[in-house]
């Protein structure tokens, strides 16, 4: 009994009930940042109404729409490096960083291109952004798929690129703006995240843009290797998608893969900067891109 004359077990149940009610009310007040219905309409226009409802429900489930929106709402006051660091905390990522001393001094007056393999497709970008952002006081930018601009916390550190949509004609201009800007750049030159190739998790061939633009803007290149992998299910879907479908079906599963990787430890190895003068006429830009890609995988 207590001062109200109620049994303690009843009072505990009452408090639990009130807590659950408060959580329900809180959810009702959440503004949806990620809204599949809105995204489909934005991408497809009036044709979005022809998408079967069961497919829309499945999409919301596979991208964890409710969980992601709850996190985004709770962290809505954060942006840039602070937002990325909060993502690392939320995903319970443990980072084993090797070679942190290879990161250039933030006060040396130079700008750098940081390039990494892309094994996960989400958490690796979040973790590296947090690391680079902390080192350089938020003075960095991603070149990212424009879908990620739906995340308000990422907007201040992102240059959105839609290679297949109406912005495709602006792709060179966006890249140009990024490299000629006053921020370091963090890039995943493969474009897509890693696939399972001959039994090993490895990037698709790296594109040459980071080489040509780093030379043009006199940016040294810092190689980074991120250790990690997705599930076997993901690689089966990616293999099927890459071979038979005209779109990247595997990308839809990346958020689900992110939640599967919660609580894991990832090894991040930072290599020594490669001077931009290294990338001379002795090799083509594509060959130099492959050279840096090999350098990254030698770090693992």
C-alpha atoms as a PDB file:
ATOM      1  CA  UNK A   1       0.000   0.000   0.000  1.00  0.00           C
ATOM      2  CA  UNK A   2       1.051   3.660  -0.395  1.00  0.00           C
ATOM      3  CA  UNK A   3      -0.213   7.073   0.630  1.00  0.00           C
ATOM      4  CA  UNK A   4      -3.011   6.842  -1.950  1.00  0.00           C
ATOM      5  CA  UNK A   5      -4.216   3.508  -0.589  1.00  0.00           C
ATOM      6  CA  UNK A   6      -3.326   1.742  -3.839  1.00  0.00           C
ATOM      7  CA  UNK A   7      -1.441  -1.508  -4.161  1.00  0.00           C
ATOM      8  CA  UNK A   8       2.065  -1.019  -5.504  1.00  0.00           C
ATOM      9  CA  UNK A   9       1.640  -3.484  -8.403  1.00  0.00           C
ATOM     10  CA  UNK A  10      -1.512  -1.656  -9.553  1.00  0.00           C
ATOM     11  CA  UNK A  11       0.300   1.687  -9.357  1.00  0.00           C
ATOM     12  CA  UNK A  12       3.188   0.314 -11.410  1.00  0.00           C
ATOM     13  CA  UNK A  13       0.790  -0.913 -14.087  1.00  0.00           C
ATOM     14  CA  UNK A  14      -0.953   2.460 -14.107  1.00  0.00           C
ATOM     15  CA  UNK A  15       2.365   4.288 -14.545  1.00  0.00           C
ATOM     16  CA  UNK A  16       3.313   1.926 -17.379  1.00  0.00           C
ATOM     17  CA  UNK A  17      -0.020   2.561 -19.071  1.00  0.00           C
ATOM     18  CA  UNK A  18       0.407   6.336 -18.797  1.00  0.00           C
ATOM     19  CA  UNK A  19       3.923   6.025 -20.224  1.00  0.00           C
ATOM     20  CA  UNK A  20       2.648   4.066 -23.223  1.00  0.00           C
ATOM     21  CA  UNK A  21      -0.092   6.629 -23.811  1.00  0.00           C
ATOM     22  CA  UNK A  22       2.474   9.425 -23.723  1.00  0.00           C
ATOM     23  CA  UNK A  23       4.579   7.575 -26.305  1.00  0.00           C
ATOM     24  CA  UNK A  24       1.556   7.169 -28.579  1.00  0.00           C
ATOM     25  CA  UNK A  25       0.806  10.873 -28.322  1.00  0.00           C
ATOM     26  CA  UNK A  26       4.441  11.656 -29.038  1.00  0.00           C
ATOM     27  CA  UNK A  27       4.361   9.560 -32.206  1.00  0.00           C
ATOM     28  CA  UNK A  28       1.229  11.409 -33.348  1.00  0.00           C
ATOM     29  CA  UNK A  29       3.124  14.685 -33.119  1.00  0.00           C
ATOM     30  CA  UNK A  30       6.073  13.510 -35.194  1.00  0.00           C
ATOM     31  CA  UNK A  31       6.434  15.216 -38.554  1.00  0.00           C
ATOM     32  CA  UNK A  32       7.405  12.675 -41.212  1.00  0.00           C
ATOM     33  CA  UNK A  33      10.690  13.506 -42.877  1.00  0.00           C
ATOM     34  CA  UNK A  34      10.797  10.303 -44.897  1.00  0.00           C
ATOM     35  CA  UNK A  35       7.424   9.802 -46.551  1.00  0.00           C
ATOM     36  CA  UNK A  36       7.262   7.087 -49.206  1.00  0.00           C
ATOM     37  CA  UNK A  37       3.944   8.401 -50.541  1.00  0.00           C
ATOM     38  CA  UNK A  38       5.396  11.883 -51.006  1.00  0.00           C
ATOM     39  CA  UNK A  39       8.669  10.602 -52.515  1.00  0.00           C
ATOM     40  CA  UNK A  40       6.827   8.437 -55.053  1.00  0.00           C
ATOM     41  CA  UNK A  41       4.641  11.353 -56.059  1.00  0.00           C
ATOM     42  CA  UNK A  42       7.682  13.606 -56.365  1.00  0.00           C
ATOM     43  CA  UNK A  43       9.521  11.115 -58.558  1.00  0.00           C
ATOM     44  CA  UNK A  44       6.594   9.755 -60.583  1.00  0.00           C
ATOM     45  CA  UNK A  45       4.037  12.529 -60.541  1.00  0.00           C
ATOM     46  CA  UNK A  46       0.479  11.430 -61.318  1.00  0.00           C
ATOM     47  CA  UNK A  47       1.721   7.932 -62.210  1.00  0.00           C
ATOM     48  CA  UNK A  48       2.379   7.275 -58.508  1.00  0.00           C
ATOM     49  CA  UNK A  49      -1.298   6.377 -58.024  1.00  0.00           C
ATOM     50  CA  UNK A  50      -0.768   3.267 -60.105  1.00  0.00           C
ATOM     51  CA  UNK A  51       1.745   1.810 -57.640  1.00  0.00           C
ATOM     52  CA  UNK A  52      -0.047  -1.053 -55.819  1.00  0.00           C
ATOM     53  CA  UNK A  53      -0.822  -0.244 -52.191  1.00  0.00           C
ATOM     54  CA  UNK A  54       0.719  -3.486 -50.943  1.00  0.00           C
ATOM     55  CA  UNK A  55       3.987  -2.422 -52.590  1.00  0.00           C
ATOM     56  CA  UNK A  56       3.890   0.968 -50.872  1.00  0.00           C
ATOM     57  CA  UNK A  57       3.331  -0.761 -47.497  1.00  0.00           C
ATOM     58  CA  UNK A  58       6.261  -3.089 -48.191  1.00  0.00           C
ATOM     59  CA  UNK A  59       8.497  -0.149 -49.111  1.00  0.00           C
ATOM     60  CA  UNK A  60       7.643   1.599 -45.859  1.00  0.00           C
ATOM     61  CA  UNK A  61       8.530  -1.570 -43.972  1.00  0.00           C
ATOM     62  CA  UNK A  62      11.829  -2.260 -45.744  1.00  0.00           C
ATOM     63  CA  UNK A  63      13.102   1.301 -45.274  1.00  0.00           C
ATOM     64  CA  UNK A  64      11.929   1.351 -41.639  1.00  0.00           C
ATOM     65  CA  UNK A  65       9.943   4.526 -42.258  1.00  0.00           C
ATOM     66  CA  UNK A  66       8.552   4.780 -38.716  1.00  0.00           C
ATOM     67  CA  UNK A  67      11.854   4.087 -36.925  1.00  0.00           C
ATOM     68  CA  UNK A  68      13.816   6.459 -39.132  1.00  0.00           C
ATOM     69  CA  UNK A  69      11.263   9.238 -38.731  1.00  0.00           C
ATOM     70  CA  UNK A  70      11.297   8.865 -34.952  1.00  0.00           C
ATOM     71  CA  UNK A  71      15.081   9.238 -34.948  1.00  0.00           C
ATOM     72  CA  UNK A  72      15.019  12.197 -37.345  1.00  0.00           C
ATOM     73  CA  UNK A  73      12.378  13.914 -35.234  1.00  0.00           C
ATOM     74  CA  UNK A  74      14.342  13.374 -32.024  1.00  0.00           C
ATOM     75  CA  UNK A  75      17.522  14.742 -33.660  1.00  0.00           C
ATOM     76  CA  UNK A  76      15.876  17.511 -35.693  1.00  0.00           C
ATOM     77  CA  UNK A  77      17.897  20.180 -33.894  1.00  0.00           C
ATOM     78  CA  UNK A  78      21.179  18.699 -35.158  1.00  0.00           C
ATOM     79  CA  UNK A  79      22.883  19.115 -38.510  1.00  0.00           C
ATOM     80  CA  UNK A  80      26.194  18.451 -40.218  1.00  0.00           C
ATOM     81  CA  UNK A  81      28.851  16.799 -38.085  1.00  0.00           C
ATOM     82  CA  UNK A  82      26.690  16.842 -34.959  1.00  0.00           C
ATOM     83  CA  UNK A  83      23.917  15.005 -36.803  1.00  0.00           C
ATOM     84  CA  UNK A  84      26.342  12.431 -38.217  1.00  0.00           C
ATOM     85  CA  UNK A  85      27.859  11.805 -34.795  1.00  0.00           C
ATOM     86  CA  UNK A  86      24.378  11.317 -33.357  1.00  0.00           C
ATOM     87  CA  UNK A  87      23.707   8.772 -36.127  1.00  0.00           C
ATOM     88  CA  UNK A  88      26.814   6.866 -35.061  1.00  0.00           C
ATOM     89  CA  UNK A  89      25.525   6.851 -31.486  1.00  0.00           C
ATOM     90  CA  UNK A  90      22.003   5.821 -32.520  1.00  0.00           C
ATOM     91  CA  UNK A  91      23.334   2.913 -34.588  1.00  0.00           C
ATOM     92  CA  UNK A  92      25.635   1.928 -31.714  1.00  0.00           C
ATOM     93  CA  UNK A  93      28.614   1.891 -34.079  1.00  0.00           C
ATOM     94  CA  UNK A  94      31.977   1.079 -32.545  1.00  0.00           C
ATOM     95  CA  UNK A  95      34.802   2.463 -34.664  1.00  0.00           C
ATOM     96  CA  UNK A  96      38.326   1.054 -34.501  1.00  0.00           C
ATOM     97  CA  UNK A  97      40.276   3.849 -36.193  1.00  0.00           C
ATOM     98  CA  UNK A  98      43.794   3.091 -37.428  1.00  0.00           C
ATOM     99  CA  UNK A  99      46.102   5.732 -38.894  1.00  0.00           C
ATOM    100  CA  UNK A 100      44.304   8.775 -37.539  1.00  0.00           C
ATOM    101  CA  UNK A 101      47.699  10.498 -37.547  1.00  0.00           C
ATOM    102  CA  UNK A 102      47.631  10.349 -41.358  1.00  0.00           C
ATOM    103  CA  UNK A 103      44.838  12.890 -41.510  1.00  0.00           C
ATOM    104  CA  UNK A 104      46.392  16.192 -42.645  1.00  0.00           C
ATOM    105  CA  UNK A 105      46.547  19.093 -40.227  1.00  0.00           C
ATOM    106  CA  UNK A 106      43.385  21.163 -40.431  1.00  0.00           C
ATOM    107  CA  UNK A 107      45.428  24.359 -40.388  1.00  0.00           C
ATOM    108  CA  UNK A 108      47.794  23.566 -43.266  1.00  0.00           C
ATOM    109  CA  UNK A 109      45.779  25.730 -45.656  1.00  0.00           C
ATOM    110  CA  UNK A 110      45.125  22.937 -48.159  1.00  0.00           C
ATOM    111  CA  UNK A 111      42.013  21.169 -49.363  1.00  0.00           C
ATOM    112  CA  UNK A 112      41.836  17.386 -49.738  1.00  0.00           C
ATOM    113  CA  UNK A 113      39.799  14.700 -51.462  1.00  0.00           C
ATOM    114  CA  UNK A 114      39.049  11.820 -49.082  1.00  0.00           C
ATOM    115  CA  UNK A 115      38.151   8.619 -50.936  1.00  0.00           C
ATOM    116  CA  UNK A 116      36.956   5.320 -49.515  1.00  0.00           C
ATOM    117  CA  UNK A 117      35.568   1.962 -50.480  1.00  0.00           C
ATOM    118  CA  UNK A 118      31.819   1.695 -49.899  1.00  0.00           C
ATOM    119  CA  UNK A 119      31.008  -1.689 -48.313  1.00  0.00           C
ATOM    120  CA  UNK A 120      27.798  -0.803 -46.488  1.00  0.00           C
ATOM    121  CA  UNK A 121      26.073   1.939 -48.428  1.00  0.00           C
ATOM    122  CA  UNK A 122      24.983   3.961 -45.397  1.00  0.00           C
ATOM    123  CA  UNK A 123      26.780   3.497 -42.111  1.00  0.00           C
ATOM    124  CA  UNK A 124      30.201   3.867 -43.719  1.00  0.00           C
ATOM    125  CA  UNK A 125      29.250   7.288 -45.059  1.00  0.00           C
ATOM    126  CA  UNK A 126      27.826   8.335 -41.703  1.00  0.00           C
ATOM    127  CA  UNK A 127      30.903   7.179 -39.776  1.00  0.00           C
ATOM    128  CA  UNK A 128      33.441   8.736 -42.139  1.00  0.00           C
ATOM    129  CA  UNK A 129      31.497  11.979 -42.222  1.00  0.00           C
ATOM    130  CA  UNK A 130      31.594  12.091 -38.430  1.00  0.00           C
ATOM    131  CA  UNK A 131      35.350  11.424 -38.371  1.00  0.00           C
ATOM    132  CA  UNK A 132      36.224  13.939 -41.101  1.00  0.00           C
ATOM    133  CA  UNK A 133      33.765  16.492 -39.779  1.00  0.00           C
ATOM    134  CA  UNK A 134      35.272  16.390 -36.297  1.00  0.00           C
ATOM    135  CA  UNK A 135      38.816  16.659 -37.652  1.00  0.00           C
ATOM    136  CA  UNK A 136      38.057  19.640 -39.895  1.00  0.00           C
ATOM    137  CA  UNK A 137      35.379  21.482 -37.917  1.00  0.00           C
ATOM    138  CA  UNK A 138      32.634  20.504 -40.326  1.00  0.00           C
ATOM    139  CA  UNK A 139      34.509  21.867 -43.338  1.00  0.00           C
ATOM    140  CA  UNK A 140      33.732  19.030 -45.742  1.00  0.00           C
ATOM    141  CA  UNK A 141      31.089  18.034 -48.272  1.00  0.00           C
ATOM    142  CA  UNK A 142      29.678  14.788 -49.658  1.00  0.00           C
ATOM    143  CA  UNK A 143      28.743  14.259 -53.284  1.00  0.00           C
ATOM    144  CA  UNK A 144      25.588  12.235 -52.659  1.00  0.00           C
ATOM    145  CA  UNK A 145      22.475  10.885 -54.343  1.00  0.00           C
ATOM    146  CA  UNK A 146      19.839  13.598 -54.154  1.00  0.00           C
ATOM    147  CA  UNK A 147      17.475  11.252 -52.279  1.00  0.00           C
ATOM    148  CA  UNK A 148      19.654  11.785 -49.207  1.00  0.00           C
ATOM    149  CA  UNK A 149      18.774  15.463 -49.268  1.00  0.00           C
ATOM    150  CA  UNK A 150      15.478  14.369 -47.719  1.00  0.00           C
ATOM    151  CA  UNK A 151      17.493  14.172 -44.486  1.00  0.00           C
ATOM    152  CA  UNK A 152      17.641  17.749 -43.134  1.00  0.00           C
ATOM    153  CA  UNK A 153      20.690  16.989 -40.987  1.00  0.00           C
ATOM    154  CA  UNK A 154      22.720  16.090 -44.081  1.00  0.00           C
ATOM    155  CA  UNK A 155      21.849  19.105 -46.222  1.00  0.00           C
ATOM    156  CA  UNK A 156      24.554  21.443 -44.858  1.00  0.00           C
ATOM    157  CA  UNK A 157      27.319  18.983 -45.800  1.00  0.00           C
ATOM    158  CA  UNK A 158      25.905  17.588 -49.051  1.00  0.00           C
ATOM    159  CA  UNK A 159      25.945  18.340 -52.735  1.00  0.00           C
ATOM    160  CA  UNK A 160      23.034  16.388 -54.202  1.00  0.00           C
ATOM    161  CA  UNK A 161      23.424  14.576 -57.507  1.00  0.00           C
ATOM    162  CA  UNK A 162      20.698  12.838 -59.503  1.00  0.00           C
ATOM    163  CA  UNK A 163      22.521  11.072 -62.325  1.00  0.00           C
ATOM    164  CA  UNK A 164      19.405   9.576 -63.887  1.00  0.00           C
ATOM    165  CA  UNK A 165      16.732  12.210 -63.412  1.00  0.00           C
ATOM    166  CA  UNK A 166      16.148  15.744 -64.573  1.00  0.00           C
ATOM    167  CA  UNK A 167      19.310  16.953 -62.845  1.00  0.00           C
ATOM    168  CA  UNK A 168      21.570  14.682 -64.924  1.00  0.00           C
ATOM    169  CA  UNK A 169      22.543  17.567 -67.166  1.00  0.00           C
ATOM    170  CA  UNK A 170      23.724  19.433 -64.058  1.00  0.00           C
ATOM    171  CA  UNK A 171      25.995  16.606 -62.846  1.00  0.00           C
ATOM    172  CA  UNK A 172      29.240  18.160 -64.196  1.00  0.00           C
ATOM    173  CA  UNK A 173      28.297  21.551 -62.784  1.00  0.00           C
ATOM    174  CA  UNK A 174      27.647  20.109 -59.318  1.00  0.00           C
ATOM    175  CA  UNK A 175      30.951  18.225 -59.317  1.00  0.00           C
ATOM    176  CA  UNK A 176      32.718  21.376 -60.496  1.00  0.00           C
ATOM    177  CA  UNK A 177      31.143  23.399 -57.695  1.00  0.00           C
ATOM    178  CA  UNK A 178      32.201  20.812 -55.129  1.00  0.00           C
ATOM    179  CA  UNK A 179      35.850  20.713 -56.179  1.00  0.00           C
ATOM    180  CA  UNK A 180      36.179  24.456 -56.623  1.00  0.00           C
ATOM    181  CA  UNK A 181      34.522  25.149 -53.283  1.00  0.00           C
ATOM    182  CA  UNK A 182      36.240  25.870 -49.989  1.00  0.00           C
ATOM    183  CA  UNK A 183      35.583  22.507 -48.362  1.00  0.00           C
ATOM    184  CA  UNK A 184      37.272  19.120 -48.269  1.00  0.00           C
ATOM    185  CA  UNK A 185      35.424  16.446 -50.231  1.00  0.00           C
ATOM    186  CA  UNK A 186      34.484  12.944 -49.077  1.00  0.00           C
ATOM    187  CA  UNK A 187      33.775  10.592 -51.975  1.00  0.00           C
ATOM    188  CA  UNK A 188      32.955   6.976 -52.755  1.00  0.00           C
ATOM    189  CA  UNK A 189      34.335   6.717 -56.307  1.00  0.00           C
ATOM    190  CA  UNK A 190      32.570   3.413 -57.015  1.00  0.00           C
ATOM    191  CA  UNK A 191      29.247   5.240 -56.906  1.00  0.00           C
ATOM    192  CA  UNK A 192      27.331   2.188 -55.693  1.00  0.00           C
ATOM    193  CA  UNK A 193      28.143   0.233 -52.565  1.00  0.00           C
ATOM    194  CA  UNK A 194      30.274  -2.923 -52.718  1.00  0.00           C
ATOM    195  CA  UNK A 195      29.162  -6.194 -54.258  1.00  0.00           C
ATOM    196  CA  UNK A 196      30.253  -9.782 -53.659  1.00  0.00           C
ATOM    197  CA  UNK A 197      32.696 -10.498 -56.477  1.00  0.00           C
ATOM    198  CA  UNK A 198      34.388 -13.893 -56.774  1.00  0.00           C
ATOM    199  CA  UNK A 199      33.532 -14.596 -53.148  1.00  0.00           C
ATOM    200  CA  UNK A 200      34.974 -11.309 -51.824  1.00  0.00           C
ATOM    201  CA  UNK A 201      33.300  -8.067 -50.826  1.00  0.00           C
ATOM    202  CA  UNK A 202      34.708  -5.465 -53.201  1.00  0.00           C
ATOM    203  CA  UNK A 203      33.728  -2.207 -54.854  1.00  0.00           C
ATOM    204  CA  UNK A 204      32.688  -1.982 -58.456  1.00  0.00           C
ATOM    205  CA  UNK A 205      35.396  -0.251 -60.570  1.00  0.00           C
ATOM    206  CA  UNK A 206      36.111   3.265 -59.380  1.00  0.00           C
ATOM    207  CA  UNK A 207      35.274   6.196 -61.620  1.00  0.00           C
ATOM    208  CA  UNK A 208      37.975   8.668 -62.634  1.00  0.00           C
ATOM    209  CA  UNK A 209      36.289  11.948 -61.649  1.00  0.00           C
ATOM    210  CA  UNK A 210      38.103  12.263 -58.321  1.00  0.00           C
ATOM    211  CA  UNK A 211      41.436  11.958 -60.134  1.00  0.00           C
ATOM    212  CA  UNK A 212      40.815  14.510 -62.866  1.00  0.00           C
ATOM    213  CA  UNK A 213      39.231  17.048 -60.545  1.00  0.00           C
ATOM    214  CA  UNK A 214      41.776  16.598 -57.748  1.00  0.00           C
ATOM    215  CA  UNK A 215      44.573  17.292 -60.235  1.00  0.00           C
ATOM    216  CA  UNK A 216      42.722  20.258 -61.678  1.00  0.00           C
ATOM    217  CA  UNK A 217      42.136  21.807 -58.247  1.00  0.00           C
ATOM    218  CA  UNK A 218      45.456  20.689 -56.691  1.00  0.00           C
ATOM    219  CA  UNK A 219      43.914  18.528 -53.983  1.00  0.00           C
ATOM    220  CA  UNK A 220      45.964  15.690 -52.482  1.00  0.00           C
ATOM    221  CA  UNK A 221      44.001  12.444 -52.175  1.00  0.00           C
ATOM    222  CA  UNK A 222      43.625  10.675 -48.809  1.00  0.00           C
ATOM    223  CA  UNK A 223      42.813   6.929 -49.134  1.00  0.00           C
ATOM    224  CA  UNK A 224      40.572   5.316 -46.505  1.00  0.00           C
ATOM    225  CA  UNK A 225      39.526   1.705 -46.089  1.00  0.00           C
ATOM    226  CA  UNK A 226      36.296   0.924 -44.260  1.00  0.00           C
ATOM    227  CA  UNK A 227      35.913  -2.662 -43.074  1.00  0.00           C
ATOM    228  CA  UNK A 228      32.417  -4.126 -43.147  1.00  0.00           C
ATOM    229  CA  UNK A 229      29.855  -6.096 -45.131  1.00  0.00           C
ATOM    230  CA  UNK A 230      26.136  -6.511 -45.649  1.00  0.00           C
ATOM    231  CA  UNK A 231      24.085  -9.710 -45.434  1.00  0.00           C
ATOM    232  CA  UNK A 232      24.156 -12.556 -47.934  1.00  0.00           C
ATOM    233  CA  UNK A 233      20.566 -11.676 -48.796  1.00  0.00           C
ATOM    234  CA  UNK A 234      21.697  -8.248 -49.931  1.00  0.00           C
ATOM    235  CA  UNK A 235      24.388  -9.634 -52.225  1.00  0.00           C
ATOM    236  CA  UNK A 236      21.943 -12.089 -53.800  1.00  0.00           C
ATOM    237  CA  UNK A 237      19.506  -9.254 -54.498  1.00  0.00           C
ATOM    238  CA  UNK A 238      22.307  -7.037 -55.846  1.00  0.00           C
ATOM    239  CA  UNK A 239      23.538  -9.810 -58.138  1.00  0.00           C
ATOM    240  CA  UNK A 240      20.040 -10.330 -59.537  1.00  0.00           C
ATOM    241  CA  UNK A 241      19.388  -6.594 -59.842  1.00  0.00           C
ATOM    242  CA  UNK A 242      22.679  -5.758 -61.553  1.00  0.00           C
ATOM    243  CA  UNK A 243      22.202  -8.555 -64.074  1.00  0.00           C
ATOM    244  CA  UNK A 244      18.511  -8.465 -64.900  1.00  0.00           C
ATOM    245  CA  UNK A 245      16.931  -5.156 -63.854  1.00  0.00           C
ATOM    246  CA  UNK A 246      17.221  -1.643 -65.345  1.00  0.00           C
ATOM    247  CA  UNK A 247      17.270  -0.089 -61.861  1.00  0.00           C
ATOM    248  CA  UNK A 248      19.148  -0.601 -58.608  1.00  0.00           C
ATOM    249  CA  UNK A 249      16.740  -2.756 -56.590  1.00  0.00           C
ATOM    250  CA  UNK A 250      19.429  -3.495 -53.988  1.00  0.00           C
ATOM    251  CA  UNK A 251      19.462   0.155 -52.926  1.00  0.00           C
ATOM    252  CA  UNK A 252      15.992  -0.265 -51.412  1.00  0.00           C
ATOM    253  CA  UNK A 253      17.407  -2.698 -48.863  1.00  0.00           C
ATOM    254  CA  UNK A 254      20.248  -0.508 -47.576  1.00  0.00           C
ATOM    255  CA  UNK A 255      18.312   0.927 -44.617  1.00  0.00           C
ATOM    256  CA  UNK A 256      17.280  -2.567 -43.578  1.00  0.00           C
ATOM    257  CA  UNK A 257      20.940  -3.609 -43.823  1.00  0.00           C
ATOM    258  CA  UNK A 258      21.863  -0.649 -41.651  1.00  0.00           C
ATOM    259  CA  UNK A 259      19.557  -1.859 -38.898  1.00  0.00           C
ATOM    260  CA  UNK A 260      20.988  -5.373 -39.229  1.00  0.00           C
ATOM    261  CA  UNK A 261      24.442  -3.887 -38.545  1.00  0.00           C
ATOM    262  CA  UNK A 262      23.459  -2.050 -35.355  1.00  0.00           C
ATOM    263  CA  UNK A 263      25.942  -2.587 -32.533  1.00  0.00           C
ATOM    264  CA  UNK A 264      28.792  -3.890 -34.685  1.00  0.00           C
ATOM    265  CA  UNK A 265      32.443  -2.816 -34.669  1.00  0.00           C
ATOM    266  CA  UNK A 266      33.988  -1.429 -37.857  1.00  0.00           C
ATOM    267  CA  UNK A 267      37.666  -0.947 -38.585  1.00  0.00           C
ATOM    268  CA  UNK A 268      38.565   2.303 -40.353  1.00  0.00           C
ATOM    269  CA  UNK A 269      42.103   2.567 -41.727  1.00  0.00           C
ATOM    270  CA  UNK A 270      43.398   5.914 -42.959  1.00  0.00           C
ATOM    271  CA  UNK A 271      46.327   5.932 -45.364  1.00  0.00           C
ATOM    272  CA  UNK A 272      48.895   8.614 -46.057  1.00  0.00           C
ATOM    273  CA  UNK A 273      47.884  11.411 -48.465  1.00  0.00           C
ATOM    274  CA  UNK A 274      48.831  10.914 -52.113  1.00  0.00           C
ATOM    275  CA  UNK A 275      50.117  14.192 -53.657  1.00  0.00           C
ATOM    276  CA  UNK A 276      48.045  15.321 -56.632  1.00  0.00           C
ATOM    277  CA  UNK A 277      51.256  15.581 -58.672  1.00  0.00           C
ATOM    278  CA  UNK A 278      51.438  11.754 -58.524  1.00  0.00           C
ATOM    279  CA  UNK A 279      48.658  11.514 -61.095  1.00  0.00           C
ATOM    280  CA  UNK A 280      50.740  12.446 -64.129  1.00  0.00           C
ATOM    281  CA  UNK A 281      50.556  11.507 -67.812  1.00  0.00           C
ATOM    282  CA  UNK A 282      52.290   8.154 -67.253  1.00  0.00           C
ATOM    283  CA  UNK A 283      48.837   6.607 -66.745  1.00  0.00           C
ATOM    284  CA  UNK A 284      45.330   7.479 -67.800  1.00  0.00           C
ATOM    285  CA  UNK A 285      42.921   8.913 -65.203  1.00  0.00           C
ATOM    286  CA  UNK A 286      41.098   5.543 -65.145  1.00  0.00           C
ATOM    287  CA  UNK A 287      44.374   3.748 -64.461  1.00  0.00           C
ATOM    288  CA  UNK A 288      45.195   6.188 -61.663  1.00  0.00           C
ATOM    289  CA  UNK A 289      41.716   5.626 -60.184  1.00  0.00           C
ATOM    290  CA  UNK A 290      42.427   1.896 -60.159  1.00  0.00           C
ATOM    291  CA  UNK A 291      45.813   2.624 -58.572  1.00  0.00           C
ATOM    292  CA  UNK A 292      44.172   4.502 -55.676  1.00  0.00           C
ATOM    293  CA  UNK A 293      41.494   1.825 -55.355  1.00  0.00           C
ATOM    294  CA  UNK A 294      44.231  -0.803 -54.992  1.00  0.00           C
ATOM    295  CA  UNK A 295      45.969   1.410 -52.426  1.00  0.00           C
ATOM    296  CA  UNK A 296      42.749   1.557 -50.389  1.00  0.00           C
ATOM    297  CA  UNK A 297      42.342  -2.229 -50.344  1.00  0.00           C
ATOM    298  CA  UNK A 298      45.979  -2.647 -49.337  1.00  0.00           C
ATOM    299  CA  UNK A 299      45.069  -0.842 -46.113  1.00  0.00           C
ATOM    300  CA  UNK A 300      42.714  -3.564 -44.894  1.00  0.00           C
END
